[in-house]
Protein backbone atom coordinates (compact mmCIF):
# COMPACT_ATOMS: atom_id res chain seq x y z
CA MET A 1 -8.48 -1.06 -8.73
CA THR A 2 -9.29 2.63 -8.36
CA CYS A 3 -8.51 2.45 -4.65
CA LEU A 4 -5.72 0.83 -5.45
CA ASP A 5 -4.30 3.54 -8.07
CA ARG A 6 -5.29 6.46 -5.28
CA PHE A 7 -3.01 4.65 -2.67
CA MET A 8 -0.23 5.04 -4.79
CA ALA A 9 -0.56 8.71 -6.03
CA ALA A 10 -0.65 9.03 -1.82
CA VAL A 11 2.71 7.52 -1.49
CA ASN A 12 4.13 9.15 -3.88
CA ALA A 13 2.73 12.11 -2.79
CA HIS A 14 3.93 11.43 0.39
CA ASP A 15 0.87 12.28 1.51
CA LEU A 16 -0.05 9.78 4.79
CA MET A 17 -3.67 10.63 5.50
CA ALA A 18 -4.70 10.57 1.73
CA MET A 19 -2.84 7.04 2.32
CA GLU A 20 -5.25 5.96 5.49
CA ARG A 21 -8.18 7.15 3.39
CA GLU A 22 -7.50 4.31 1.22
CA MET A 23 -7.22 1.71 3.69
CA HIS A 24 -9.81 0.06 6.44
CA PHE A 25 -9.35 0.01 9.83
CA PRO A 26 -7.66 -1.94 11.59
CA HIS A 27 -5.62 -2.88 9.46
CA VAL A 28 -3.17 -5.52 9.49
CA ARG A 29 0.44 -5.95 7.46
CA ILE A 30 1.78 -9.01 7.13
CA ALA A 31 5.95 -8.17 6.06
CA LEU A 32 9.34 -9.76 7.31
CA GLY A 33 8.17 -12.45 8.95
CA THR A 34 6.00 -9.92 11.79
CA ILE A 35 2.33 -9.04 11.79
CA VAL A 36 1.61 -5.59 12.38
CA THR A 37 -1.70 -4.21 13.46
CA TYR A 38 -2.96 -0.44 12.95
CA SER A 39 -6.20 -0.38 14.82
CA GLU A 40 -6.79 3.23 13.91
CA ARG A 41 -6.17 6.02 11.66
CA GLY A 42 -2.88 7.92 12.47
CA SER A 43 -1.21 4.57 13.82
CA ASN A 44 1.05 4.22 10.86
CA PRO A 45 5.10 5.04 11.14
CA LEU A 46 5.19 8.07 10.66
CA ASP A 47 8.85 8.32 9.06
CA LEU A 48 7.70 5.91 6.33
CA PHE A 49 8.77 8.34 3.62
CA GLU A 50 12.07 9.44 5.36
CA ARG A 51 13.25 5.96 6.38
CA LEU A 52 12.46 4.83 3.03
CA GLN A 53 14.47 7.68 1.70
CA ARG A 54 16.99 7.16 4.36
CA GLU A 55 17.29 3.04 3.21
CA ASP A 56 17.00 2.67 -0.26
CA GLY A 57 17.04 6.64 -1.44
CA TRP A 58 13.68 5.90 -2.52
CA HIS A 59 11.79 8.41 -4.66
CA ARG A 60 8.63 7.47 -6.13
CA SER A 61 7.01 3.85 -6.44
CA GLU A 62 4.52 2.27 -9.26
CA TRP A 63 2.69 -0.73 -10.18
CA ILE A 64 4.07 -3.17 -12.35
CA ASP A 65 1.03 -5.28 -11.76
CA LYS A 66 -2.40 -6.20 -10.15
CA ASN A 67 -4.56 -9.28 -10.66
CA ILE A 68 -7.97 -9.84 -8.57
CA VAL A 69 -6.98 -13.67 -7.64
CA GLN A 70 -10.33 -14.18 -5.42
CA GLY A 71 -12.86 -12.23 -4.20
CA ASP A 72 -16.90 -11.65 -4.63
CA GLY A 73 -18.70 -8.09 -4.14
CA ASN A 74 -17.36 -7.58 -0.05
CA LYS A 75 -13.89 -8.22 -0.32
CA VAL A 76 -10.92 -9.21 -3.04
CA HIS A 77 -7.31 -10.52 -2.99
CA VAL A 78 -5.09 -8.75 -5.14
CA ALA A 79 -1.89 -10.30 -6.11
CA VAL A 80 0.40 -7.45 -6.70
CA ARG A 81 3.99 -6.14 -8.40
CA TYR A 82 5.16 -2.83 -7.84
CA ARG A 83 8.12 -1.11 -8.44
CA ARG A 84 10.61 1.14 -6.58
CA LEU A 85 12.76 3.66 -7.43
CA ARG A 86 15.15 6.63 -7.35
CA ARG A 87 14.98 10.40 -8.21
CA ASP A 88 17.45 9.41 -11.58
CA GLY A 89 14.54 6.48 -12.28
CA SER A 90 17.37 3.67 -11.22
CA VAL A 91 15.14 0.94 -9.66
CA ILE A 92 15.52 -0.30 -6.26
CA GLY A 93 13.64 -3.44 -6.36
CA ASP A 94 10.57 -5.35 -7.34
CA TYR A 95 8.20 -6.53 -5.01
CA ASP A 96 5.51 -9.08 -5.25
CA SER A 97 2.74 -8.77 -2.24
CA LEU A 98 -0.93 -9.71 -1.26
CA TYR A 99 -3.29 -7.09 -0.86
CA VAL A 100 -6.73 -7.62 0.64
CA LEU A 101 -10.01 -5.29 -0.32
CA THR A 102 -12.84 -4.71 1.38
CA HIS A 103 -15.90 -3.12 0.89
CA LEU A 104 -17.17 -1.35 4.01
CA HIS A 105 -19.44 1.21 4.69
CA ASP A 106 -19.99 1.78 1.57
CA ARG A 107 -16.35 1.91 0.17
CA TRP A 108 -13.83 -0.25 -1.18
CA GLY A 109 -10.01 0.19 0.82
CA ILE A 110 -7.44 -1.99 1.62
CA GLN A 111 -7.73 -4.02 4.42
CA ALA A 112 -4.65 -6.07 5.12
């Protein structure tokens, strides 16, 4: 859960490098009917924050809930619910997702 909290802090700081430190690569994202694989650090889209701001007026996000639904000492599946907010605190939306975290190279990271 600490990995996820550091990831969210990096998102809110608009710090792509800090986000990537909480990820393992290759990193897989399944969303909106597409599967995208980021093969290595630096392969994330660099316009992420600008796009979210432009499309929805996004300012920050927050976890609503995080629950490990399956796992062992090397991999966990975490059902999450998070909220995107505008600068004035109004809610853009609440989103459900499933994160897969793996323990590789002596650290936990988000793999998918």
